[in-house]
Amino acid sequence: MTTEKIYNFMGLRKIAAAFSIALLLISIGSLAINGLKFGLDFTGGSLIEVGYQQEPDLNGIRDKLENAGYDDAVVQTFGSPVDILIRMGVAHDPKLGDHVLETLQSGETQELTLRRNEFVGAQVGEELREQGGLGMLLALFMVMVYVAFRFQLKFSVASVTALAHDVLIVLGFFSLFQFDFDLTVLAAILAVIGYSLNDTIVVSDRIRENFRKLRKGDALEIMNVSLSQTLGRTLVTSLTTLLVLVALAVFGGEMIFGFAIALLVGVCVGTYSSIYVAANVLILMGLTKEDLIPQEKPEGEEVDEMP
């Protein structure tokens, strides 16, 4: 069939299916029991920005706030090392910023400045949760429509199954380890959908091409050929992306830590799903060469040359 080295990916399809089901069950179970630890963007609370003259010790700031009774305060830099953003899931008090500033000023030789004291209401958080969820559902629906037109209905179902698999596992990861889920993480999940879709489209295009081109071999053999041919491209893309994301997670600071972690998990899972989940679903749905053979048109009609 081909002189290239062919890996027997589909020989492990049952193990991969069991692995995916296990991950999905863990994710769904954690989401049902623990739920997501929504950040201030979704739950509502107070947002305070304090300016320092010199770079402060973030752990020292956390200790001062904890000693003052603000146990759930999230402290992070904002823009520069001397700009400190403090998030609190407490009821808003117009004087809360002054109280926090007084707490932080204690023992400091430098002068601190209160730059912002805002409140994010629960109503806004509820709307963000609803709109974010609708945004993900709409993205999955549009993907299904696009792939159905671009390829074939079975490819559409396989692609959306792989994307839903990736999103559920990322959500389950954040639920299991109780990382804060805020708007940056939601943006990362939407980015994961795009990344995973790109990988799945590349693999699907090669599968369709080989189903039409190769005369010998059953569906499993053609899947192995297609996945082997795209393996190099998939690994190079994933590894270079992971290098950037690791750098963001380590050196990017707390503001984008959740974003980087969500993408790290999503890229790893998306690479795996583009190889195993989508192809596995196509096998289960009984994809055949007849599904991909263009329909012959009667004589006299214009033949569409587009793939």
Protein backbone atom coordinates (compact mmCIF):
# COMPACT_ATOMS: atom_id res chain seq x y z
CA MET A 1 0.00 0.00 0.00
CA THR A 2 2.83 2.39 0.81
CA THR A 3 6.62 2.28 1.45
CA GLU A 4 6.39 4.59 4.48
CA LYS A 5 6.59 3.18 7.99
CA ILE A 6 3.09 2.37 9.17
CA TYR A 7 2.21 2.30 12.87
CA ASN A 8 -0.61 0.10 14.09
CA PHE A 9 -2.58 2.85 15.86
CA MET A 10 -5.88 1.06 15.48
CA GLY A 11 -4.48 -2.05 17.13
CA LEU A 12 -4.72 -0.09 20.40
CA ARG A 13 -8.14 1.39 19.68
CA LYS A 14 -9.91 -0.63 22.39
CA ILE A 15 -7.35 0.36 25.02
CA ALA A 16 -7.62 3.98 23.88
CA ALA A 17 -11.42 3.83 24.07
CA ALA A 18 -11.25 2.44 27.62
CA PHE A 19 -8.75 5.16 28.57
CA SER A 20 -10.98 7.90 27.14
CA ILE A 21 -14.08 6.53 28.87
CA ALA A 22 -12.19 6.40 32.18
CA LEU A 23 -11.04 10.02 31.82
CA LEU A 24 -14.56 11.14 30.90
CA LEU A 25 -16.09 9.32 33.88
CA ILE A 26 -13.57 10.90 36.24
CA SER A 27 -14.21 14.34 34.74
CA ILE A 28 -17.99 14.06 34.83
CA GLY A 29 -17.87 12.63 38.37
CA SER A 30 -15.68 15.47 39.59
CA LEU A 31 -17.90 18.06 37.91
CA ALA A 32 -20.97 16.49 39.54
CA ILE A 33 -19.41 16.28 43.02
CA ASN A 34 -16.94 19.17 43.22
CA GLY A 35 -18.21 21.45 40.48
CA LEU A 36 -16.00 24.22 39.14
CA LYS A 37 -14.29 26.73 41.38
CA PHE A 38 -15.58 29.83 39.64
CA GLY A 39 -13.44 32.93 39.86
CA LEU A 40 -14.55 36.45 40.63
CA ASP A 41 -15.60 36.99 37.01
CA PHE A 42 -18.45 34.51 37.52
CA THR A 43 -19.27 34.60 41.23
CA GLY A 44 -19.12 38.31 41.95
CA GLY A 45 -17.04 39.99 44.63
CA SER A 46 -14.60 42.81 45.22
CA LEU A 47 -11.66 43.86 43.10
CA ILE A 48 -8.95 46.05 44.62
CA GLU A 49 -5.83 47.41 42.93
CA VAL A 50 -2.95 48.71 45.03
CA GLY A 51 0.14 50.48 43.74
CA TYR A 52 3.56 49.99 45.34
CA GLN A 53 6.68 52.08 44.83
CA GLN A 54 8.92 49.00 44.91
CA GLU A 55 8.23 45.39 43.99
CA PRO A 56 6.54 43.74 46.99
CA ASP A 57 6.57 40.17 48.28
CA LEU A 58 3.29 38.55 47.17
CA ASN A 59 3.46 35.91 49.89
CA GLY A 60 3.89 38.65 52.49
CA ILE A 61 0.78 40.41 51.13
CA ARG A 62 -1.20 37.16 51.33
CA ASP A 63 -0.08 36.60 54.93
CA LYS A 64 -1.14 40.12 55.96
CA LEU A 65 -4.57 39.71 54.38
CA GLU A 66 -5.05 36.26 55.91
CA ASN A 67 -4.13 37.58 59.36
CA ALA A 68 -6.68 40.36 58.87
CA GLY A 69 -9.43 37.79 58.16
CA TYR A 70 -9.44 37.86 54.34
CA ASP A 71 -8.82 34.14 53.86
CA ASP A 72 -10.05 33.86 50.27
CA ALA A 73 -8.07 36.79 48.86
CA VAL A 74 -6.34 36.13 45.52
CA VAL A 75 -3.21 38.26 45.11
CA GLN A 76 -1.44 38.73 41.78
CA THR A 77 0.55 41.26 39.82
CA PHE A 78 -1.31 43.35 37.26
CA GLY A 79 0.65 44.78 34.34
CA SER A 80 3.87 45.43 36.26
CA PRO A 81 5.52 44.00 39.42
CA VAL A 82 4.51 47.07 41.48
CA ASP A 83 0.81 46.92 40.54
CA ILE A 84 -1.02 44.44 42.77
CA LEU A 85 -4.51 43.13 42.05
CA ILE A 86 -6.49 41.65 44.95
CA ARG A 87 -9.67 39.64 44.35
CA MET A 88 -12.05 38.85 47.18
CA GLY A 89 -15.30 36.90 47.11
CA VAL A 90 -16.81 39.01 49.89
CA ALA A 91 -19.75 41.39 49.95
CA HIS A 92 -18.74 44.78 48.66
CA ASP A 93 -18.09 47.60 51.09
CA PRO A 94 -17.24 51.09 49.77
CA LYS A 95 -14.60 51.31 52.49
CA LEU A 96 -13.16 47.83 51.85
CA GLY A 97 -10.35 49.27 49.75
CA ASP A 98 -9.35 51.62 52.56
CA HIS A 99 -9.34 48.75 55.06
CA VAL A 100 -7.17 46.62 52.78
CA LEU A 101 -4.82 49.53 52.11
CA GLU A 102 -4.47 50.15 55.86
CA THR A 103 -3.73 46.45 56.42
CA LEU A 104 -1.07 46.34 53.73
CA GLN A 105 0.50 49.65 54.78
CA SER A 106 1.20 48.25 58.24
CA GLY A 107 4.93 47.59 58.56
CA GLU A 108 5.71 49.05 55.11
CA THR A 109 8.31 51.80 54.65
CA GLN A 110 7.02 52.71 51.19
CA GLU A 111 3.84 54.61 50.46
CA LEU A 112 0.98 52.58 48.96
CA THR A 113 -1.74 53.91 46.66
CA LEU A 114 -5.30 52.64 46.30
CA ARG A 115 -5.98 52.73 42.56
CA ARG A 116 -9.18 50.79 42.23
CA ASN A 117 -11.98 49.49 44.44
CA GLU A 118 -14.68 47.84 42.32
CA PHE A 119 -17.47 45.32 42.72
CA VAL A 120 -18.49 42.60 40.25
CA GLY A 121 -22.11 41.74 40.93
CA ALA A 122 -23.50 38.21 41.06
CA GLN A 123 -25.95 39.08 38.26
CA VAL A 124 -23.04 39.82 35.94
CA GLY A 125 -21.38 36.54 36.96
CA GLU A 126 -24.55 34.57 36.21
CA GLU A 127 -24.86 36.16 32.78
CA LEU A 128 -21.20 35.38 32.04
CA ARG A 129 -21.70 31.72 32.96
CA GLU A 130 -24.75 31.42 30.71
CA GLN A 131 -23.17 33.25 27.78
CA GLY A 132 -19.92 31.31 28.11
CA GLY A 133 -21.76 27.99 28.08
CA LEU A 134 -23.86 29.04 25.10
CA GLY A 135 -20.70 30.18 23.33
CA MET A 136 -19.12 26.72 23.69
CA LEU A 137 -22.29 24.96 22.52
CA LEU A 138 -22.58 27.28 19.52
CA ALA A 139 -18.92 26.65 18.64
CA LEU A 140 -19.46 22.87 18.70
CA PHE A 141 -22.62 23.17 16.58
CA MET A 142 -20.91 25.34 13.96
CA VAL A 143 -18.02 22.87 13.83
CA MET A 144 -20.46 20.03 13.21
CA VAL A 145 -22.16 21.93 10.37
CA TYR A 146 -18.84 22.90 8.76
CA VAL A 147 -17.36 19.40 8.86
CA ALA A 148 -20.60 17.89 7.53
CA PHE A 149 -20.41 20.16 4.47
CA ARG A 150 -16.62 19.93 4.11
CA PHE A 151 -16.38 16.14 4.46
CA GLN A 152 -19.28 13.88 5.36
CA LEU A 153 -21.78 13.42 8.21
CA LYS A 154 -19.78 10.63 9.85
CA PHE A 155 -16.71 12.87 9.95
CA SER A 156 -18.89 15.59 11.50
CA VAL A 157 -20.05 13.32 14.33
CA ALA A 158 -16.49 12.07 14.90
CA SER A 159 -15.06 15.61 15.04
CA VAL A 160 -17.66 16.91 17.49
CA THR A 161 -17.24 13.81 19.65
CA ALA A 162 -13.49 14.47 19.82
CA LEU A 163 -14.04 18.16 20.66
CA ALA A 164 -16.61 17.36 23.37
CA HIS A 165 -14.15 14.77 24.74
CA ASP A 166 -11.41 17.42 24.96
CA VAL A 167 -13.62 20.10 26.56
CA LEU A 168 -15.02 17.72 29.20
CA ILE A 169 -11.55 16.52 30.19
CA VAL A 170 -10.20 20.09 30.54
CA LEU A 171 -13.24 21.05 32.65
CA GLY A 172 -12.81 17.88 34.70
CA PHE A 173 -9.14 18.71 35.28
CA PHE A 174 -10.03 22.14 36.66
CA SER A 175 -12.80 20.62 38.77
CA LEU A 176 -10.60 17.81 40.13
CA PHE A 177 -7.71 20.08 41.16
CA GLN A 178 -9.97 23.04 42.04
CA PHE A 179 -8.12 25.61 39.97
CA ASP A 180 -9.93 28.92 39.57
CA PHE A 181 -12.18 28.96 36.52
CA ASP A 182 -12.42 32.50 35.15
CA LEU A 183 -12.83 34.22 31.79
CA THR A 184 -9.21 33.53 30.76
CA VAL A 185 -9.80 29.79 31.25
CA LEU A 186 -13.03 29.99 29.25
CA ALA A 187 -11.09 31.71 26.47
CA ALA A 188 -8.49 28.92 26.65
CA ILE A 189 -11.19 26.24 26.27
CA LEU A 190 -12.51 27.96 23.15
CA ALA A 191 -8.91 28.06 21.87
CA VAL A 192 -8.62 24.33 22.60
CA ILE A 193 -11.70 23.74 20.43
CA GLY A 194 -10.00 25.56 17.56
CA TYR A 195 -6.67 23.79 18.03
CA SER A 196 -8.21 20.32 18.32
CA LEU A 197 -10.45 20.99 15.32
CA ASN A 198 -7.45 21.97 13.20
CA ASP A 199 -5.68 18.71 14.06
CA THR A 200 -8.82 16.67 13.42
CA ILE A 201 -9.43 18.35 10.05
CA VAL A 202 -5.88 17.55 8.89
CA VAL A 203 -6.25 13.89 9.88
CA SER A 204 -9.76 13.66 8.39
CA ASP A 205 -8.57 15.12 5.10
CA ARG A 206 -5.84 12.50 4.84
CA ILE A 207 -8.27 9.70 5.77
CA ARG A 208 -10.70 10.80 3.07
CA GLU A 209 -7.90 11.05 0.51
CA ASN A 210 -6.58 7.57 1.29
CA PHE A 211 -10.04 5.97 1.30
CA ARG A 212 -10.45 7.24 -2.26
CA LYS A 213 -6.88 6.56 -3.44
CA LEU A 214 -5.84 3.25 -1.91
CA ARG A 215 -7.32 0.26 -3.71
CA LYS A 216 -6.25 -2.37 -1.19
CA GLY A 217 -6.73 -2.62 2.54
CA ASP A 218 -9.67 -2.48 4.87
CA ALA A 219 -10.79 0.51 6.95
CA LEU A 220 -8.39 -0.23 9.82
CA GLU A 221 -5.37 -0.43 7.51
CA ILE A 222 -6.29 2.80 5.75
CA MET A 223 -6.73 4.53 9.12
CA ASN A 224 -3.26 3.37 10.19
CA VAL A 225 -1.74 4.65 6.94
CA SER A 226 -3.47 8.04 7.29
CA LEU A 227 -2.53 8.51 10.95
CA SER A 228 1.08 7.48 10.28
CA GLN A 229 1.37 9.97 7.42
CA THR A 230 0.13 12.87 9.58
CA LEU A 231 1.98 11.82 12.77
CA GLY A 232 5.09 13.92 12.10
CA ARG A 233 3.09 17.08 11.47
CA THR A 234 0.92 16.46 14.54
CA LEU A 235 3.87 15.92 16.88
CA VAL A 236 5.87 18.92 15.62
CA THR A 237 2.87 21.24 15.96
CA SER A 238 2.01 19.96 19.43
CA LEU A 239 5.56 20.05 20.80
CA THR A 240 6.28 23.59 19.60
CA THR A 241 2.96 24.77 21.05
CA LEU A 242 3.68 23.03 24.36
CA LEU A 243 7.07 24.74 24.64
CA VAL A 244 5.39 28.15 24.48
CA LEU A 245 2.66 27.15 26.93
CA VAL A 246 5.16 25.79 29.47
CA ALA A 247 7.01 29.11 29.31
CA LEU A 248 3.74 30.99 29.85
CA ALA A 249 2.78 28.78 32.80
CA VAL A 250 6.17 29.14 34.49
CA PHE A 251 7.05 32.77 33.74
CA GLY A 252 3.73 34.38 32.80
CA GLY A 253 2.54 35.13 36.33
CA GLU A 254 -0.73 34.39 38.06
CA MET A 255 -2.84 36.46 35.67
CA ILE A 256 -2.47 33.95 32.83
CA PHE A 257 -1.55 30.81 34.80
CA GLY A 258 -5.04 29.32 34.45
CA PHE A 259 -5.08 30.17 30.74
CA ALA A 260 -1.73 28.43 30.18
CA ILE A 261 -2.67 25.34 32.22
CA ALA A 262 -5.98 24.95 30.38
CA LEU A 263 -4.21 25.13 27.03
CA LEU A 264 -1.48 22.72 28.18
CA VAL A 265 -4.04 20.11 29.13
CA GLY A 266 -6.15 20.86 26.05
CA VAL A 267 -3.26 20.55 23.58
CA CYS A 268 -2.15 17.22 25.06
CA VAL A 269 -5.68 15.82 25.07
CA GLY A 270 -6.45 17.33 21.66
CA THR A 271 -3.38 15.69 20.10
CA TYR A 272 -4.42 12.34 21.55
CA SER A 273 -8.06 12.73 20.46
CA SER A 274 -7.14 13.67 16.88
CA ILE A 275 -5.25 10.37 16.61
CA TYR A 276 -7.56 8.04 18.50
CA VAL A 277 -10.97 9.46 19.39
CA ALA A 278 -12.07 10.76 15.97
CA ALA A 279 -10.66 7.74 14.10
CA ASN A 280 -12.21 5.37 16.65
CA VAL A 281 -15.63 6.92 16.17
CA LEU A 282 -15.29 6.64 12.37
CA ILE A 283 -14.53 2.91 12.74
CA LEU A 284 -17.48 2.43 15.10
CA MET A 285 -19.78 4.19 12.61
CA GLY A 286 -18.64 1.85 9.86
CA LEU A 287 -16.94 4.29 7.49
CA THR A 288 -16.46 2.70 4.07
CA LYS A 289 -15.04 3.70 0.71
CA GLU A 290 -18.58 3.99 -0.64
CA ASP A 291 -19.24 6.84 1.84
CA LEU A 292 -16.49 8.92 0.25
CA ILE A 293 -16.86 8.13 -3.42
CA PRO A 294 -18.24 11.22 -5.23
CA GLN A 295 -21.67 10.64 -6.72
CA GLU A 296 -21.64 10.42 -10.51
CA LYS A 297 -23.85 12.97 -12.21
CA PRO A 298 -25.93 12.31 -15.31
CA GLU A 299 -24.40 13.24 -18.65
CA GLY A 300 -24.84 16.84 -19.57
CA GLU A 301 -24.63 18.19 -16.04
CA GLU A 302 -21.64 20.23 -14.95
CA VAL A 303 -19.26 18.21 -12.80
CA ASP A 304 -18.01 19.91 -9.65
CA GLU A 305 -14.23 19.51 -9.45
CA MET A 306 -14.00 20.76 -5.89
CA PRO A 307 -13.14 18.10 -3.30
